[in-house]
Amino acid sequence: MHSLLASLRGQLIVSVQADEGSPLRDTALIVALSRAALVGGAAGLRLRSGEDIRAVRAIAGNVPIIGLTKNNHPDTDVYITATPDEVREVAGAGADVVAFDGTDLPRPFTVGELVGATHAAGALAMADISTLEEARAALAAGADIVGTTMSGYTPHSPKQPEPDFALMDALREGGLPFIAEGRLNTPELAAEALRRGAHAVVVGSAITRPDHVTRWFVGAVRGA
């Protein structure tokens, strides 16, 4: 496996993203949150948009960055880095790894085309998948690693409040390299993902989205 991915083995990658409309949807704030994650010991960062990636790259030294875009496109539900142009935007901004939707949803470009564009841009290819079959197909198409990011976000994957440990188990048993992401909202769950065979873990909302975390607490308090 590529030395950059090897450097992330057993490590925490922090996703530093803010949705449109969030008070944190400001590149300067994304940079500050990224600094805080690095001070806390994050071994890598996952960022969206060329603007955010470029700004964080300037302060992050050689820390690995997984980059992506999130854009709506007509006639497809594929949302994460859906086109070769978006791949080039992410890689050109300084991402070491380009993450893209690797599901079998109808798409404007195939997973193989996105892998090819990523490698041509000098980056590693991470396919965000929702099932074991999608993981196998993405790796066969040349992806360097897959992420469990999309489990729960496709019609054919389980909808559940907890992480998809069954998918992680299947990936491990199949000998498929994967990064765990999705609903890993406590340190214990992140550690369990590593025990289930994850190469590394990505945690986002629980660390960098106080608006989301506040909603969790509000829901629990109101429920009580």
C-alpha atoms as a PDB file:
ATOM      1  CA  MET A   1       0.000   0.000   0.000  1.00  0.00           C
ATOM      2  CA  HIS A   2       1.214   3.525  -0.756  1.00  0.00           C
ATOM      3  CA  SER A   3       3.436   5.002   1.957  1.00  0.00           C
ATOM      4  CA  LEU A   4       0.997   7.851   2.587  1.00  0.00           C
ATOM      5  CA  LEU A   5      -1.787   5.412   3.378  1.00  0.00           C
ATOM      6  CA  ALA A   6       0.651   3.370   5.435  1.00  0.00           C
ATOM      7  CA  SER A   7       1.331   6.470   7.556  1.00  0.00           C
ATOM      8  CA  LEU A   8      -2.384   6.614   8.427  1.00  0.00           C
ATOM      9  CA  ARG A   9      -2.655   3.032   9.653  1.00  0.00           C
ATOM     10  CA  GLY A  10      -4.439   2.931  13.012  1.00  0.00           C
ATOM     11  CA  GLN A  11      -4.816   6.709  13.077  1.00  0.00           C
ATOM     12  CA  LEU A  12      -7.608   9.275  13.423  1.00  0.00           C
ATOM     13  CA  ILE A  13      -8.536  11.434  10.439  1.00  0.00           C
ATOM     14  CA  VAL A  14     -10.743  14.402  11.303  1.00  0.00           C
ATOM     15  CA  SER A  15     -13.349  15.555   8.804  1.00  0.00           C
ATOM     16  CA  VAL A  16     -13.546  19.347   8.921  1.00  0.00           C
ATOM     17  CA  GLN A  17     -16.602  20.340   6.922  1.00  0.00           C
ATOM     18  CA  ALA A  18     -19.545  22.668   7.351  1.00  0.00           C
ATOM     19  CA  ASP A  19     -22.823  22.531   5.460  1.00  0.00           C
ATOM     20  CA  GLU A  20     -24.109  25.457   3.473  1.00  0.00           C
ATOM     21  CA  GLY A  21     -26.032  27.675   5.875  1.00  0.00           C
ATOM     22  CA  SER A  22     -23.938  26.674   8.876  1.00  0.00           C
ATOM     23  CA  PRO A  23     -22.321  29.519  10.860  1.00  0.00           C
ATOM     24  CA  LEU A  24     -19.059  27.606  10.365  1.00  0.00           C
ATOM     25  CA  ARG A  25     -19.306  27.668   6.556  1.00  0.00           C
ATOM     26  CA  ASP A  26     -16.338  30.032   6.293  1.00  0.00           C
ATOM     27  CA  THR A  27     -12.887  29.017   5.111  1.00  0.00           C
ATOM     28  CA  ALA A  28     -11.138  30.920   7.903  1.00  0.00           C
ATOM     29  CA  LEU A  29     -13.144  28.942  10.449  1.00  0.00           C
ATOM     30  CA  ILE A  30     -12.382  25.680   8.640  1.00  0.00           C
ATOM     31  CA  VAL A  31      -8.690  26.531   8.939  1.00  0.00           C
ATOM     32  CA  ALA A  32      -9.082  27.225  12.669  1.00  0.00           C
ATOM     33  CA  LEU A  33     -10.948  23.948  13.218  1.00  0.00           C
ATOM     34  CA  SER A  34      -8.277  22.096  11.262  1.00  0.00           C
ATOM     35  CA  ARG A  35      -5.560  23.640  13.422  1.00  0.00           C
ATOM     36  CA  ALA A  36      -7.445  22.535  16.528  1.00  0.00           C
ATOM     37  CA  ALA A  37      -7.766  18.985  15.174  1.00  0.00           C
ATOM     38  CA  LEU A  38      -4.036  18.847  14.471  1.00  0.00           C
ATOM     39  CA  VAL A  39      -3.209  20.182  17.940  1.00  0.00           C
ATOM     40  CA  GLY A  40      -5.392  17.375  19.314  1.00  0.00           C
ATOM     41  CA  GLY A  41      -3.385  14.761  17.443  1.00  0.00           C
ATOM     42  CA  ALA A  42      -5.254  14.144  14.188  1.00  0.00           C
ATOM     43  CA  ALA A  43      -3.031  12.317  11.706  1.00  0.00           C
ATOM     44  CA  GLY A  44      -5.009  13.471   8.666  1.00  0.00           C
ATOM     45  CA  LEU A  45      -7.849  15.743   7.579  1.00  0.00           C
ATOM     46  CA  ARG A  46     -10.850  15.309   5.290  1.00  0.00           C
ATOM     47  CA  LEU A  47     -11.960  18.553   3.631  1.00  0.00           C
ATOM     48  CA  ARG A  48     -14.423  19.704   0.997  1.00  0.00           C
ATOM     49  CA  SER A  49     -13.895  22.252  -1.798  1.00  0.00           C
ATOM     50  CA  GLY A  50     -10.768  23.522  -3.450  1.00  0.00           C
ATOM     51  CA  GLU A  51     -10.910  26.730  -1.433  1.00  0.00           C
ATOM     52  CA  ASP A  52     -10.871  24.963   1.944  1.00  0.00           C
ATOM     53  CA  ILE A  53      -8.249  22.441   0.863  1.00  0.00           C
ATOM     54  CA  ARG A  54      -5.913  25.139  -0.461  1.00  0.00           C
ATOM     55  CA  ALA A  55      -6.189  27.221   2.703  1.00  0.00           C
ATOM     56  CA  VAL A  56      -5.634  24.282   5.049  1.00  0.00           C
ATOM     57  CA  ARG A  57      -2.797  22.891   2.929  1.00  0.00           C
ATOM     58  CA  ALA A  58      -0.934  26.137   3.558  1.00  0.00           C
ATOM     59  CA  ILE A  59      -0.906  25.565   7.336  1.00  0.00           C
ATOM     60  CA  ALA A  60      -0.921  21.782   7.578  1.00  0.00           C
ATOM     61  CA  GLY A  61       2.580  20.961   6.397  1.00  0.00           C
ATOM     62  CA  ASN A  62       2.812  17.371   5.185  1.00  0.00           C
ATOM     63  CA  VAL A  63      -0.310  16.177   6.989  1.00  0.00           C
ATOM     64  CA  PRO A  64      -2.304  13.966   4.582  1.00  0.00           C
ATOM     65  CA  ILE A  65      -5.458  15.597   3.251  1.00  0.00           C
ATOM     66  CA  ILE A  66      -8.413  13.678   1.832  1.00  0.00           C
ATOM     67  CA  GLY A  67     -10.280  16.090  -0.408  1.00  0.00           C
ATOM     68  CA  LEU A  68     -13.691  16.090  -2.039  1.00  0.00           C
ATOM     69  CA  THR A  69     -16.405  18.294  -3.419  1.00  0.00           C
ATOM     70  CA  LYS A  70     -20.109  18.281  -2.607  1.00  0.00           C
ATOM     71  CA  ASN A  71     -22.240  19.555  -5.473  1.00  0.00           C
ATOM     72  CA  ASN A  72     -25.717  18.853  -6.765  1.00  0.00           C
ATOM     73  CA  HIS A  73     -25.889  17.620 -10.349  1.00  0.00           C
ATOM     74  CA  PRO A  74     -28.919  17.170 -12.612  1.00  0.00           C
ATOM     75  CA  ASP A  75     -30.179  13.639 -13.237  1.00  0.00           C
ATOM     76  CA  THR A  76     -28.067  11.979 -10.526  1.00  0.00           C
ATOM     77  CA  ASP A  77     -27.989  11.617  -6.772  1.00  0.00           C
ATOM     78  CA  VAL A  78     -24.199  11.331  -6.825  1.00  0.00           C
ATOM     79  CA  TYR A  79     -23.052  14.239  -4.678  1.00  0.00           C
ATOM     80  CA  ILE A  80     -19.435  13.651  -3.676  1.00  0.00           C
ATOM     81  CA  THR A  81     -16.823  14.492  -6.357  1.00  0.00           C
ATOM     82  CA  ALA A  82     -18.960  13.331  -9.260  1.00  0.00           C
ATOM     83  CA  THR A  83     -16.891  14.503 -12.238  1.00  0.00           C
ATOM     84  CA  PRO A  84     -13.280  14.468 -13.465  1.00  0.00           C
ATOM     85  CA  ASP A  85     -13.267  18.276 -13.318  1.00  0.00           C
ATOM     86  CA  GLU A  86     -14.085  18.086  -9.610  1.00  0.00           C
ATOM     87  CA  VAL A  87     -11.349  15.486  -9.141  1.00  0.00           C
ATOM     88  CA  ARG A  88      -8.858  17.872 -10.731  1.00  0.00           C
ATOM     89  CA  GLU A  89     -10.110  20.766  -8.574  1.00  0.00           C
ATOM     90  CA  VAL A  90      -9.508  18.762  -5.403  1.00  0.00           C
ATOM     91  CA  ALA A  91      -6.136  17.367  -6.396  1.00  0.00           C
ATOM     92  CA  GLY A  92      -4.958  20.693  -7.762  1.00  0.00           C
ATOM     93  CA  ALA A  93      -5.781  22.392  -4.466  1.00  0.00           C
ATOM     94  CA  GLY A  94      -3.379  20.105  -2.623  1.00  0.00           C
ATOM     95  CA  ALA A  95      -5.282  16.990  -1.603  1.00  0.00           C
ATOM     96  CA  ASP A  96      -3.187  13.846  -1.372  1.00  0.00           C
ATOM     97  CA  VAL A  97      -6.241  11.599  -1.648  1.00  0.00           C
ATOM     98  CA  VAL A  98      -9.390  12.334  -3.650  1.00  0.00           C
ATOM     99  CA  ALA A  99     -12.589  10.897  -2.193  1.00  0.00           C
ATOM    100  CA  PHE A 100     -15.502  10.310  -4.552  1.00  0.00           C
ATOM    101  CA  ASP A 101     -18.844   8.506  -4.580  1.00  0.00           C
ATOM    102  CA  GLY A 102     -18.102   4.887  -5.379  1.00  0.00           C
ATOM    103  CA  THR A 103     -21.651   3.560  -5.105  1.00  0.00           C
ATOM    104  CA  ASP A 104     -23.661   1.978  -7.890  1.00  0.00           C
ATOM    105  CA  LEU A 105     -26.098   4.880  -8.060  1.00  0.00           C
ATOM    106  CA  PRO A 106     -26.745   6.193 -11.588  1.00  0.00           C
ATOM    107  CA  ARG A 107     -23.842   8.534 -12.318  1.00  0.00           C
ATOM    108  CA  PRO A 108     -22.498  10.853 -15.008  1.00  0.00           C
ATOM    109  CA  PHE A 109     -19.024   9.226 -14.900  1.00  0.00           C
ATOM    110  CA  THR A 110     -18.009   5.704 -13.965  1.00  0.00           C
ATOM    111  CA  VAL A 111     -15.942   4.873 -10.911  1.00  0.00           C
ATOM    112  CA  GLY A 112     -13.157   3.793 -13.265  1.00  0.00           C
ATOM    113  CA  GLU A 113     -13.171   7.188 -14.976  1.00  0.00           C
ATOM    114  CA  LEU A 114     -12.915   8.969 -11.626  1.00  0.00           C
ATOM    115  CA  VAL A 115     -10.083   6.677 -10.527  1.00  0.00           C
ATOM    116  CA  GLY A 116      -8.262   7.400 -13.784  1.00  0.00           C
ATOM    117  CA  ALA A 117      -8.685  11.151 -13.398  1.00  0.00           C
ATOM    118  CA  THR A 118      -7.464  10.955  -9.799  1.00  0.00           C
ATOM    119  CA  HIS A 119      -4.319   9.009 -10.630  1.00  0.00           C
ATOM    120  CA  ALA A 120      -3.634  11.256 -13.618  1.00  0.00           C
ATOM    121  CA  ALA A 121      -3.745  14.223 -11.242  1.00  0.00           C
ATOM    122  CA  GLY A 122      -1.138  12.579  -9.010  1.00  0.00           C
ATOM    123  CA  ALA A 123      -3.436  11.707  -6.100  1.00  0.00           C
ATOM    124  CA  LEU A 124      -4.654   8.495  -4.498  1.00  0.00           C
ATOM    125  CA  ALA A 125      -8.239   7.378  -5.106  1.00  0.00           C
ATOM    126  CA  MET A 126     -10.665   6.727  -2.230  1.00  0.00           C
ATOM    127  CA  ALA A 127     -14.074   5.376  -3.195  1.00  0.00           C
ATOM    128  CA  ASP A 128     -16.857   6.102  -0.695  1.00  0.00           C
ATOM    129  CA  ILE A 129     -19.054   2.993  -0.791  1.00  0.00           C
ATOM    130  CA  SER A 130     -22.148   1.634   0.942  1.00  0.00           C
ATOM    131  CA  THR A 131     -21.904  -2.132   0.352  1.00  0.00           C
ATOM    132  CA  LEU A 132     -19.363  -4.929   0.055  1.00  0.00           C
ATOM    133  CA  GLU A 133     -20.150  -5.367  -3.631  1.00  0.00           C
ATOM    134  CA  GLU A 134     -19.469  -1.688  -4.323  1.00  0.00           C
ATOM    135  CA  ALA A 135     -16.156  -1.959  -2.476  1.00  0.00           C
ATOM    136  CA  ARG A 136     -15.098  -4.932  -4.576  1.00  0.00           C
ATOM    137  CA  ALA A 137     -16.063  -3.135  -7.787  1.00  0.00           C
ATOM    138  CA  ALA A 138     -14.255   0.079  -6.829  1.00  0.00           C
ATOM    139  CA  LEU A 139     -11.031  -1.721  -5.923  1.00  0.00           C
ATOM    140  CA  ALA A 140     -11.251  -3.742  -9.137  1.00  0.00           C
ATOM    141  CA  ALA A 141     -11.558  -0.415 -10.987  1.00  0.00           C
ATOM    142  CA  GLY A 142      -8.272   0.722  -9.449  1.00  0.00           C
ATOM    143  CA  ALA A 143      -9.257   2.582  -6.278  1.00  0.00           C
ATOM    144  CA  ASP A 144      -6.463   2.591  -3.700  1.00  0.00           C
ATOM    145  CA  ILE A 145      -8.818   2.274  -0.731  1.00  0.00           C
ATOM    146  CA  VAL A 146     -12.529   2.445   0.060  1.00  0.00           C
ATOM    147  CA  GLY A 147     -14.451   4.203   2.819  1.00  0.00           C
ATOM    148  CA  THR A 148     -17.682   3.122   4.490  1.00  0.00           C
ATOM    149  CA  THR A 149     -18.898   6.723   4.221  1.00  0.00           C
ATOM    150  CA  MET A 150     -21.988   6.060   2.116  1.00  0.00           C
ATOM    151  CA  SER A 151     -23.552   3.287   4.198  1.00  0.00           C
ATOM    152  CA  GLY A 152     -26.994   4.528   5.144  1.00  0.00           C
ATOM    153  CA  TYR A 153     -27.077   7.079   2.332  1.00  0.00           C
ATOM    154  CA  THR A 154     -28.075   4.795  -0.534  1.00  0.00           C
ATOM    155  CA  PRO A 155     -31.425   3.031  -0.967  1.00  0.00           C
ATOM    156  CA  HIS A 156     -29.726  -0.369  -0.782  1.00  0.00           C
ATOM    157  CA  SER A 157     -27.717   0.090   2.434  1.00  0.00           C
ATOM    158  CA  PRO A 158     -28.984  -0.247   6.029  1.00  0.00           C
ATOM    159  CA  LYS A 159     -30.514   2.774   7.754  1.00  0.00           C
ATOM    160  CA  GLN A 160     -29.378   2.649  11.366  1.00  0.00           C
ATOM    161  CA  PRO A 161     -28.184   5.046  14.073  1.00  0.00           C
ATOM    162  CA  GLU A 162     -24.998   3.107  14.786  1.00  0.00           C
ATOM    163  CA  PRO A 163     -21.966   2.512  12.531  1.00  0.00           C
ATOM    164  CA  ASP A 164     -22.214  -0.232   9.923  1.00  0.00           C
ATOM    165  CA  PHE A 165     -19.994  -2.740  11.706  1.00  0.00           C
ATOM    166  CA  ALA A 166     -21.453  -5.564   9.625  1.00  0.00           C
ATOM    167  CA  LEU A 167     -20.038  -3.920   6.503  1.00  0.00           C
ATOM    168  CA  MET A 168     -16.677  -3.443   8.231  1.00  0.00           C
ATOM    169  CA  ASP A 169     -16.624  -7.117   9.202  1.00  0.00           C
ATOM    170  CA  ALA A 170     -17.390  -8.145   5.635  1.00  0.00           C
ATOM    171  CA  LEU A 171     -14.653  -5.899   4.248  1.00  0.00           C
ATOM    172  CA  ARG A 172     -12.137  -7.282   6.736  1.00  0.00           C
ATOM    173  CA  GLU A 173     -13.109 -10.864   6.011  1.00  0.00           C
ATOM    174  CA  GLY A 174     -12.792 -10.162   2.292  1.00  0.00           C
ATOM    175  CA  GLY A 175      -9.301  -8.724   2.767  1.00  0.00           C
ATOM    176  CA  LEU A 176     -10.378  -5.359   1.360  1.00  0.00           C
ATOM    177  CA  PRO A 177      -8.583  -2.218   2.588  1.00  0.00           C
ATOM    178  CA  PHE A 178     -11.010   0.304   4.063  1.00  0.00           C
ATOM    179  CA  ILE A 179     -11.248   3.464   6.094  1.00  0.00           C
ATOM    180  CA  ALA A 180     -14.169   3.537   8.522  1.00  0.00           C
ATOM    181  CA  GLU A 181     -16.433   6.581   8.431  1.00  0.00           C
ATOM    182  CA  GLY A 182     -20.019   7.242   9.414  1.00  0.00           C
ATOM    183  CA  ARG A 183     -21.681   7.616  12.803  1.00  0.00           C
ATOM    184  CA  LEU A 184     -18.434   6.994  14.703  1.00  0.00           C
ATOM    185  CA  ASN A 185     -19.509   9.582  17.235  1.00  0.00           C
ATOM    186  CA  THR A 186     -17.728   8.385  20.368  1.00  0.00           C
ATOM    187  CA  PRO A 187     -14.098   7.432  21.045  1.00  0.00           C
ATOM    188  CA  GLU A 188     -15.271   3.914  21.875  1.00  0.00           C
ATOM    189  CA  LEU A 189     -16.965   3.470  18.490  1.00  0.00           C
ATOM    190  CA  ALA A 190     -13.890   4.793  16.673  1.00  0.00           C
ATOM    191  CA  ALA A 191     -11.684   2.312  18.528  1.00  0.00           C
ATOM    192  CA  GLU A 192     -14.118  -0.514  17.757  1.00  0.00           C
ATOM    193  CA  ALA A 193     -13.889   0.288  14.053  1.00  0.00           C
ATOM    194  CA  LEU A 194     -10.137  -0.246  14.222  1.00  0.00           C
ATOM    195  CA  ARG A 195     -10.680  -3.543  16.012  1.00  0.00           C
ATOM    196  CA  ARG A 196     -13.031  -4.509  13.165  1.00  0.00           C
ATOM    197  CA  GLY A 197     -10.187  -4.118  10.686  1.00  0.00           C
ATOM    198  CA  ALA A 198     -10.337  -0.478   9.565  1.00  0.00           C
ATOM    199  CA  HIS A 199      -7.075   0.903   8.231  1.00  0.00           C
ATOM    200  CA  ALA A 200      -7.947   4.266   9.823  1.00  0.00           C
ATOM    201  CA  VAL A 201     -11.056   6.064  11.080  1.00  0.00           C
ATOM    202  CA  VAL A 202     -12.651   9.330  10.005  1.00  0.00           C
ATOM    203  CA  VAL A 203     -14.645  11.296  12.575  1.00  0.00           C
ATOM    204  CA  GLY A 204     -16.414  14.504  11.646  1.00  0.00           C
ATOM    205  CA  SER A 205     -19.582  15.765  13.304  1.00  0.00           C
ATOM    206  CA  ALA A 206     -18.688  14.705  16.848  1.00  0.00           C
ATOM    207  CA  ILE A 207     -15.506  16.787  16.669  1.00  0.00           C
ATOM    208  CA  THR A 208     -16.049  19.669  14.261  1.00  0.00           C
ATOM    209  CA  ARG A 209     -19.806  20.303  14.007  1.00  0.00           C
ATOM    210  CA  PRO A 210     -21.092  21.789  17.266  1.00  0.00           C
ATOM    211  CA  ASP A 211     -24.457  22.519  15.648  1.00  0.00           C
ATOM    212  CA  HIS A 212     -24.951  18.777  15.033  1.00  0.00           C
ATOM    213  CA  VAL A 213     -23.741  17.820  18.500  1.00  0.00           C
ATOM    214  CA  THR A 214     -26.073  20.397  20.065  1.00  0.00           C
ATOM    215  CA  ARG A 215     -29.012  18.772  18.235  1.00  0.00           C
ATOM    216  CA  TRP A 216     -28.049  15.393  19.710  1.00  0.00           C
ATOM    217  CA  PHE A 217     -28.145  16.832  23.214  1.00  0.00           C
ATOM    218  CA  VAL A 218     -31.337  18.822  22.578  1.00  0.00           C
ATOM    219  CA  GLY A 219     -33.082  15.685  21.314  1.00  0.00           C
ATOM    220  CA  ALA A 220     -31.990  13.711  24.360  1.00  0.00           C
ATOM    221  CA  VAL A 221     -33.010  16.432  26.805  1.00  0.00           C
ATOM    222  CA  ARG A 222     -36.406  16.909  25.196  1.00  0.00           C
ATOM    223  CA  GLY A 223     -36.890  13.166  25.099  1.00  0.00           C
ATOM    224  CA  ALA A 224     -36.293  13.000  28.836  1.00  0.00           C
END
